[in-house]
Amino acid sequence: MAFFPCFLSAVVVVRNQSKNLDKILSDTAAVIAPIVSDYELIIVDNASDDDSISVLKRQTSEHGQPNLQVYALTKEGLN
């Protein structure tokens, strides 16, 4: 597998994915981490009305996913 000495930002937009968020984040990090020298995962929550925000808060804690930034929209804005 190729290794790239660069910084990568991966943006994922989600809505009502509370049951899948842990897997989405871990799978994305598992693919990105071995191929770049540094990265960030940017999650945009598109006004979820399930438990997604709680899951994302847990993932941003000290024991959660490294390199994670979360943006939560209060009104659905992305289609």
PDB file of N, CA and C in Angstrom:
ATOM      1  N   MET A   1       0.845  -1.166   0.000  1.00  0.00           N
ATOM      2  CA  MET A   1       0.000   0.000   0.000  1.00  0.00           C
ATOM      3  C   MET A   1       0.898   1.240   0.000  1.00  0.00           C
ATOM      4  N   ALA A   2       0.534   2.240  -0.756  1.00  0.00           N
ATOM      5  CA  ALA A   2       1.315   3.472  -0.841  1.00  0.00           C
ATOM      6  C   ALA A   2       1.140   4.310   0.414  1.00  0.00           C
ATOM      7  N   PHE A   3       2.187   5.059   0.754  1.00  0.00           N
ATOM      8  CA  PHE A   3       2.141   5.976   1.889  1.00  0.00           C
ATOM      9  C   PHE A   3       2.398   7.375   1.356  1.00  0.00           C
ATOM     10  N   PHE A   4       1.583   8.329   1.772  1.00  0.00           N
ATOM     11  CA  PHE A   4       1.679   9.695   1.290  1.00  0.00           C
ATOM     12  C   PHE A   4       2.012  10.630   2.450  1.00  0.00           C
ATOM     13  N   PRO A   5       3.119  11.369   2.381  1.00  0.00           N
ATOM     14  CA  PRO A   5       3.496  12.295   3.457  1.00  0.00           C
ATOM     15  C   PRO A   5       2.697  13.597   3.339  1.00  0.00           C
ATOM     16  N   CYS A   6       1.440  13.521   3.697  1.00  0.00           N
ATOM     17  CA  CYS A   6       0.579  14.700   3.576  1.00  0.00           C
ATOM     18  C   CYS A   6      -0.475  14.685   4.682  1.00  0.00           C
ATOM     19  N   PHE A   7      -1.198  15.788   4.758  1.00  0.00           N
ATOM     20  CA  PHE A   7      -2.314  15.921   5.690  1.00  0.00           C
ATOM     21  C   PHE A   7      -3.601  15.767   4.896  1.00  0.00           C
ATOM     22  N   LEU A   8      -4.486  14.892   5.352  1.00  0.00           N
ATOM     23  CA  LEU A   8      -5.735  14.627   4.649  1.00  0.00           C
ATOM     24  C   LEU A   8      -6.916  14.966   5.552  1.00  0.00           C
ATOM     25  N   SER A   9      -7.887  15.671   4.991  1.00  0.00           N
ATOM     26  CA  SER A   9      -9.154  15.921   5.676  1.00  0.00           C
ATOM     27  C   SER A   9     -10.230  15.108   4.981  1.00  0.00           C
ATOM     28  N   ALA A  10     -10.897  14.255   5.733  1.00  0.00           N
ATOM     29  CA  ALA A  10     -12.001  13.461   5.191  1.00  0.00           C
ATOM     30  C   ALA A  10     -13.291  13.975   5.815  1.00  0.00           C
ATOM     31  N   VAL A  11     -14.234  14.356   4.968  1.00  0.00           N
ATOM     32  CA  VAL A  11     -15.507  14.903   5.433  1.00  0.00           C
ATOM     33  C   VAL A  11     -16.599  13.875   5.178  1.00  0.00           C
ATOM     34  N   VAL A  12     -17.369  13.587   6.232  1.00  0.00           N
ATOM     35  CA  VAL A  12     -18.481  12.648   6.129  1.00  0.00           C
ATOM     36  C   VAL A  12     -19.726  13.355   6.643  1.00  0.00           C
ATOM     37  N   VAL A  13     -20.759  13.396   5.824  1.00  0.00           N
ATOM     38  CA  VAL A  13     -22.038  13.989   6.225  1.00  0.00           C
ATOM     39  C   VAL A  13     -22.980  12.851   6.589  1.00  0.00           C
ATOM     40  N   VAL A  14     -23.578  12.954   7.774  1.00  0.00           N
ATOM     41  CA  VAL A  14     -24.476  11.899   8.249  1.00  0.00           C
ATOM     42  C   VAL A  14     -25.783  12.499   8.731  1.00  0.00           C
ATOM     43  N   ARG A  15     -26.814  11.687   8.714  1.00  0.00           N
ATOM     44  CA  ARG A  15     -28.109  12.066   9.291  1.00  0.00           C
ATOM     45  C   ARG A  15     -28.772  10.798   9.805  1.00  0.00           C
ATOM     46  N   ASN A  16     -29.104  10.825  11.079  1.00  0.00           N
ATOM     47  CA  ASN A  16     -29.788   9.702  11.728  1.00  0.00           C
ATOM     48  C   ASN A  16     -29.039   8.383  11.549  1.00  0.00           C
ATOM     49  N   GLN A  17     -27.757   8.409  11.872  1.00  0.00           N
ATOM     50  CA  GLN A  17     -26.912   7.221  11.746  1.00  0.00           C
ATOM     51  C   GLN A  17     -26.344   6.776  13.086  1.00  0.00           C
ATOM     52  N   SER A  18     -27.044   7.030  14.173  1.00  0.00           N
ATOM     53  CA  SER A  18     -26.498   6.732  15.500  1.00  0.00           C
ATOM     54  C   SER A  18     -26.050   5.278  15.633  1.00  0.00           C
ATOM     55  N   LYS A  19     -26.769   4.366  15.040  1.00  0.00           N
ATOM     56  CA  LYS A  19     -26.421   2.941  15.161  1.00  0.00           C
ATOM     57  C   LYS A  19     -25.193   2.579  14.336  1.00  0.00           C
ATOM     58  N   ASN A  20     -24.847   3.389  13.347  1.00  0.00           N
ATOM     59  CA  ASN A  20     -23.738   3.075  12.443  1.00  0.00           C
ATOM     60  C   ASN A  20     -22.505   3.954  12.654  1.00  0.00           C
ATOM     61  N   LEU A  21     -22.613   5.001  13.465  1.00  0.00           N
ATOM     62  CA  LEU A  21     -21.524   5.980  13.573  1.00  0.00           C
ATOM     63  C   LEU A  21     -20.217   5.380  14.067  1.00  0.00           C
ATOM     64  N   ASP A  22     -20.254   4.545  15.080  1.00  0.00           N
ATOM     65  CA  ASP A  22     -19.010   3.953  15.586  1.00  0.00           C
ATOM     66  C   ASP A  22     -18.286   3.198  14.478  1.00  0.00           C
ATOM     67  N   LYS A  23     -19.018   2.424  13.707  1.00  0.00           N
ATOM     68  CA  LYS A  23     -18.418   1.657  12.618  1.00  0.00           C
ATOM     69  C   LYS A  23     -17.946   2.582  11.495  1.00  0.00           C
ATOM     70  N   ILE A  24     -18.727   3.579  11.162  1.00  0.00           N
ATOM     71  CA  ILE A  24     -18.331   4.523  10.112  1.00  0.00           C
ATOM     72  C   ILE A  24     -17.005   5.180  10.484  1.00  0.00           C
ATOM     73  N   LEU A  25     -16.894   5.642  11.721  1.00  0.00           N
ATOM     74  CA  LEU A  25     -15.673   6.325  12.158  1.00  0.00           C
ATOM     75  C   LEU A  25     -14.479   5.387  12.213  1.00  0.00           C
ATOM     76  N   SER A  26     -14.666   4.213  12.789  1.00  0.00           N
ATOM     77  CA  SER A  26     -13.529   3.298  12.899  1.00  0.00           C
ATOM     78  C   SER A  26     -13.094   2.775  11.534  1.00  0.00           C
ATOM     79  N   ASP A  27     -14.041   2.475  10.659  1.00  0.00           N
ATOM     80  CA  ASP A  27     -13.689   2.005   9.317  1.00  0.00           C
ATOM     81  C   ASP A  27     -12.970   3.086   8.515  1.00  0.00           C
ATOM     82  N   THR A  28     -13.444   4.315   8.614  1.00  0.00           N
ATOM     83  CA  THR A  28     -12.813   5.414   7.884  1.00  0.00           C
ATOM     84  C   THR A  28     -11.391   5.639   8.379  1.00  0.00           C
ATOM     85  N   ALA A  29     -11.206   5.667   9.687  1.00  0.00           N
ATOM     86  CA  ALA A  29      -9.867   5.852  10.257  1.00  0.00           C
ATOM     87  C   ALA A  29      -8.945   4.693   9.886  1.00  0.00           C
ATOM     88  N   ALA A  30      -9.469   3.484   9.865  1.00  0.00           N
ATOM     89  CA  ALA A  30      -8.653   2.313   9.540  1.00  0.00           C
ATOM     90  C   ALA A  30      -8.142   2.358   8.103  1.00  0.00           C
ATOM     91  N   VAL A  31      -8.904   2.961   7.219  1.00  0.00           N
ATOM     92  CA  VAL A  31      -8.473   3.082   5.824  1.00  0.00           C
ATOM     93  C   VAL A  31      -7.479   4.220   5.661  1.00  0.00           C
ATOM     94  N   ILE A  32      -7.727   5.343   6.319  1.00  0.00           N
ATOM     95  CA  ILE A  32      -6.909   6.545   6.121  1.00  0.00           C
ATOM     96  C   ILE A  32      -5.575   6.490   6.864  1.00  0.00           C
ATOM     97  N   ALA A  33      -5.590   6.089   8.117  1.00  0.00           N
ATOM     98  CA  ALA A  33      -4.399   6.176   8.978  1.00  0.00           C
ATOM     99  C   ALA A  33      -3.141   5.530   8.392  1.00  0.00           C
ATOM    100  N   PRO A  34      -3.222   4.372   7.767  1.00  0.00           N
ATOM    101  CA  PRO A  34      -1.992   3.751   7.269  1.00  0.00           C
ATOM    102  C   PRO A  34      -1.410   4.389   6.006  1.00  0.00           C
ATOM    103  N   ILE A  35      -2.151   5.264   5.346  1.00  0.00           N
ATOM    104  CA  ILE A  35      -1.663   5.760   4.056  1.00  0.00           C
ATOM    105  C   ILE A  35      -1.238   7.224   4.043  1.00  0.00           C
ATOM    106  N   VAL A  36      -1.507   7.972   5.126  1.00  0.00           N
ATOM    107  CA  VAL A  36      -1.089   9.378   5.182  1.00  0.00           C
ATOM    108  C   VAL A  36      -0.361   9.647   6.487  1.00  0.00           C
ATOM    109  N   SER A  37       0.462  10.691   6.489  1.00  0.00           N
ATOM    110  CA  SER A  37       1.231  10.995   7.694  1.00  0.00           C
ATOM    111  C   SER A  37       0.371  11.648   8.774  1.00  0.00           C
ATOM    112  N   ASP A  38      -0.675  12.356   8.392  1.00  0.00           N
ATOM    113  CA  ASP A  38      -1.569  12.977   9.369  1.00  0.00           C
ATOM    114  C   ASP A  38      -2.930  13.174   8.712  1.00  0.00           C
ATOM    115  N   TYR A  39      -3.983  13.144   9.519  1.00  0.00           N
ATOM    116  CA  TYR A  39      -5.329  13.271   8.968  1.00  0.00           C
ATOM    117  C   TYR A  39      -6.288  13.800  10.009  1.00  0.00           C
ATOM    118  N   GLU A  40      -7.449  14.224   9.534  1.00  0.00           N
ATOM    119  CA  GLU A  40      -8.555  14.570  10.409  1.00  0.00           C
ATOM    120  C   GLU A  40      -9.832  14.016   9.797  1.00  0.00           C
ATOM    121  N   LEU A  41     -10.733  13.610  10.659  1.00  0.00           N
ATOM    122  CA  LEU A  41     -12.063  13.194  10.244  1.00  0.00           C
ATOM    123  C   LEU A  41     -13.023  14.302  10.631  1.00  0.00           C
ATOM    124  N   ILE A  42     -13.722  14.834   9.676  1.00  0.00           N
ATOM    125  CA  ILE A  42     -14.710  15.878   9.930  1.00  0.00           C
ATOM    126  C   ILE A  42     -16.083  15.259   9.696  1.00  0.00           C
ATOM    127  N   ILE A  43     -16.880  15.236  10.751  1.00  0.00           N
ATOM    128  CA  ILE A  43     -18.233  14.699  10.655  1.00  0.00           C
ATOM    129  C   ILE A  43     -19.204  15.863  10.716  1.00  0.00           C
ATOM    130  N   VAL A  44     -20.071  15.956   9.728  1.00  0.00           N
ATOM    131  CA  VAL A  44     -21.125  16.963   9.723  1.00  0.00           C
ATOM    132  C   VAL A  44     -22.438  16.222   9.956  1.00  0.00           C
ATOM    133  N   ASP A  45     -23.049  16.502  11.105  1.00  0.00           N
ATOM    134  CA  ASP A  45     -24.345  15.900  11.400  1.00  0.00           C
ATOM    135  C   ASP A  45     -25.418  16.824  10.843  1.00  0.00           C
ATOM    136  N   ASN A  46     -26.196  16.310   9.919  1.00  0.00           N
ATOM    137  CA  ASN A  46     -27.194  17.087   9.201  1.00  0.00           C
ATOM    138  C   ASN A  46     -28.542  17.048   9.919  1.00  0.00           C
ATOM    139  N   ALA A  47     -28.574  17.659  11.118  1.00  0.00           N
ATOM    140  CA  ALA A  47     -29.800  17.810  11.902  1.00  0.00           C
ATOM    141  C   ALA A  47     -30.470  16.484  12.237  1.00  0.00           C
ATOM    142  N   SER A  48     -29.686  15.545  12.710  1.00  0.00           N
ATOM    143  CA  SER A  48     -30.239  14.244  13.099  1.00  0.00           C
ATOM    144  C   SER A  48     -31.251  14.409  14.215  1.00  0.00           C
ATOM    145  N   ASP A  49     -32.278  13.573  14.189  1.00  0.00           N
ATOM    146  CA  ASP A  49     -33.242  13.575  15.289  1.00  0.00           C
ATOM    147  C   ASP A  49     -33.212  12.252  16.049  1.00  0.00           C
ATOM    148  N   ASP A  50     -32.131  11.510  15.886  1.00  0.00           N
ATOM    149  CA  ASP A  50     -31.920  10.304  16.683  1.00  0.00           C
ATOM    150  C   ASP A  50     -30.823  10.593  17.705  1.00  0.00           C
ATOM    151  N   ASP A  51     -30.107   9.595  18.149  1.00  0.00           N
ATOM    152  CA  ASP A  51     -29.099   9.724  19.198  1.00  0.00           C
ATOM    153  C   ASP A  51     -27.696  10.010  18.639  1.00  0.00           C
ATOM    154  N   SER A  52     -27.598  10.458  17.398  1.00  0.00           N
ATOM    155  CA  SER A  52     -26.305  10.673  16.742  1.00  0.00           C
ATOM    156  C   SER A  52     -25.405  11.645  17.503  1.00  0.00           C
ATOM    157  N   ILE A  53     -25.957  12.721  18.002  1.00  0.00           N
ATOM    158  CA  ILE A  53     -25.139  13.724  18.707  1.00  0.00           C
ATOM    159  C   ILE A  53     -24.511  13.119  19.956  1.00  0.00           C
ATOM    160  N   SER A  54     -25.239  12.317  20.686  1.00  0.00           N
ATOM    161  CA  SER A  54     -24.679  11.658  21.877  1.00  0.00           C
ATOM    162  C   SER A  54     -23.533  10.729  21.502  1.00  0.00           C
ATOM    163  N   VAL A  55     -23.707   9.993  20.422  1.00  0.00           N
ATOM    164  CA  VAL A  55     -22.644   9.092  19.962  1.00  0.00           C
ATOM    165  C   VAL A  55     -21.420   9.909  19.564  1.00  0.00           C
ATOM    166  N   LEU A  56     -21.632  10.988  18.843  1.00  0.00           N
ATOM    167  CA  LEU A  56     -20.515  11.825  18.409  1.00  0.00           C
ATOM    168  C   LEU A  56     -19.817  12.497  19.594  1.00  0.00           C
ATOM    169  N   LYS A  57     -20.578  12.922  20.590  1.00  0.00           N
ATOM    170  CA  LYS A  57     -19.961  13.491  21.804  1.00  0.00           C
ATOM    171  C   LYS A  57     -19.071  12.462  22.479  1.00  0.00           C
ATOM    172  N   ARG A  58     -19.541  11.237  22.559  1.00  0.00           N
ATOM    173  CA  ARG A  58     -18.739  10.169  23.161  1.00  0.00           C
ATOM    174  C   ARG A  58     -17.477   9.931  22.340  1.00  0.00           C
ATOM    175  N   GLN A  59     -17.598   9.985  21.040  1.00  0.00           N
ATOM    176  CA  GLN A  59     -16.446   9.749  20.172  1.00  0.00           C
ATOM    177  C   GLN A  59     -15.413  10.879  20.239  1.00  0.00           C
ATOM    178  N   THR A  60     -15.817  12.063  20.667  1.00  0.00           N
ATOM    179  CA  THR A  60     -14.863  13.173  20.797  1.00  0.00           C
ATOM    180  C   THR A  60     -14.240  13.234  22.186  1.00  0.00           C
ATOM    181  N   SER A  61     -14.628  12.334  23.062  1.00  0.00           N
ATOM    182  CA  SER A  61     -14.056  12.321  24.416  1.00  0.00           C
ATOM    183  C   SER A  61     -12.608  11.832  24.374  1.00  0.00           C
ATOM    184  N   GLU A  62     -11.970  11.874  25.528  1.00  0.00           N
ATOM    185  CA  GLU A  62     -10.558  11.468  25.639  1.00  0.00           C
ATOM    186  C   GLU A  62     -10.317  10.040  25.139  1.00  0.00           C
ATOM    187  N   HIS A  63     -11.286   9.168  25.337  1.00  0.00           N
ATOM    188  CA  HIS A  63     -11.130   7.766  24.938  1.00  0.00           C
ATOM    189  C   HIS A  63     -11.815   7.454  23.609  1.00  0.00           C
ATOM    190  N   GLY A  64     -12.228   8.493  22.913  1.00  0.00           N
ATOM    191  CA  GLY A  64     -12.912   8.299  21.634  1.00  0.00           C
ATOM    192  C   GLY A  64     -11.949   8.293  20.462  1.00  0.00           C
ATOM    193  N   GLN A  65     -12.464   8.658  19.335  1.00  0.00           N
ATOM    194  CA  GLN A  65     -11.718   8.647  18.076  1.00  0.00           C
ATOM    195  C   GLN A  65     -10.741   9.824  18.007  1.00  0.00           C
ATOM    196  N   PRO A  66      -9.466   9.573  17.734  1.00  0.00           N
ATOM    197  CA  PRO A  66      -8.523  10.678  17.587  1.00  0.00           C
ATOM    198  C   PRO A  66      -8.778  11.424  16.272  1.00  0.00           C
ATOM    199  N   ASN A  67      -8.317  12.651  16.206  1.00  0.00           N
ATOM    200  CA  ASN A  67      -8.366  13.444  14.968  1.00  0.00           C
ATOM    201  C   ASN A  67      -9.786  13.694  14.469  1.00  0.00           C
ATOM    202  N   LEU A  68     -10.735  13.810  15.391  1.00  0.00           N
ATOM    203  CA  LEU A  68     -12.139  13.943  15.012  1.00  0.00           C
ATOM    204  C   LEU A  68     -12.643  15.350  15.303  1.00  0.00           C
ATOM    205  N   GLN A  69     -13.314  15.933  14.317  1.00  0.00           N
ATOM    206  CA  GLN A  69     -14.014  17.202  14.494  1.00  0.00           C
ATOM    207  C   GLN A  69     -15.470  16.962  14.127  1.00  0.00           C
ATOM    208  N   VAL A  70     -16.368  17.537  14.918  1.00  0.00           N
ATOM    209  CA  VAL A  70     -17.797  17.339  14.685  1.00  0.00           C
ATOM    210  C   VAL A  70     -18.474  18.693  14.533  1.00  0.00           C
ATOM    211  N   TYR A  71     -19.299  18.789  13.523  1.00  0.00           N
ATOM    212  CA  TYR A  71     -20.133  19.968  13.299  1.00  0.00           C
ATOM    213  C   TYR A  71     -21.565  19.480  13.248  1.00  0.00           C
ATOM    214  N   ALA A  72     -22.427  20.065  14.078  1.00  0.00           N
ATOM    215  CA  ALA A  72     -23.819  19.634  14.147  1.00  0.00           C
ATOM    216  C   ALA A  72     -24.713  20.758  13.652  1.00  0.00           C
ATOM    217  N   LEU A  73     -25.417  20.495  12.563  1.00  0.00           N
ATOM    218  CA  LEU A  73     -26.363  21.462  12.033  1.00  0.00           C
ATOM    219  C   LEU A  73     -27.674  21.315  12.795  1.00  0.00           C
ATOM    220  N   THR A  74     -28.296  22.437  13.125  1.00  0.00           N
ATOM    221  CA  THR A  74     -29.566  22.384  13.842  1.00  0.00           C
ATOM    222  C   THR A  74     -30.762  22.342  12.908  1.00  0.00           C
ATOM    223  N   LYS A  75     -30.522  22.667  11.655  1.00  0.00           N
ATOM    224  CA  LYS A  75     -31.566  22.603  10.633  1.00  0.00           C
ATOM    225  C   LYS A  75     -31.003  21.879   9.428  1.00  0.00           C
ATOM    226  N   GLU A  76     -31.763  20.943   8.869  1.00  0.00           N
ATOM    227  CA  GLU A  76     -31.261  20.173   7.728  1.00  0.00           C
ATOM    228  C   GLU A  76     -30.895  21.128   6.607  1.00  0.00           C
ATOM    229  N   GLY A  77     -29.633  21.012   6.171  1.00  0.00           N
ATOM    230  CA  GLY A  77     -29.162  21.974   5.196  1.00  0.00           C
ATOM    231  C   GLY A  77     -28.456  21.360   4.015  1.00  0.00           C
ATOM    232  N   LEU A  78     -28.057  20.112   4.110  1.00  0.00           N
ATOM    233  CA  LEU A  78     -27.314  19.478   3.026  1.00  0.00           C
ATOM    234  C   LEU A  78     -28.143  18.346   2.453  1.00  0.00           C
ATOM    235  N   ASN A  79     -28.189  18.274   1.168  1.00  0.00           N
ATOM    236  CA  ASN A  79     -28.944  17.194   0.539  1.00  0.00           C
ATOM    237  C   ASN A  79     -28.036  16.340  -0.290  1.00  0.00           C
TER     238      ASN A  79
END
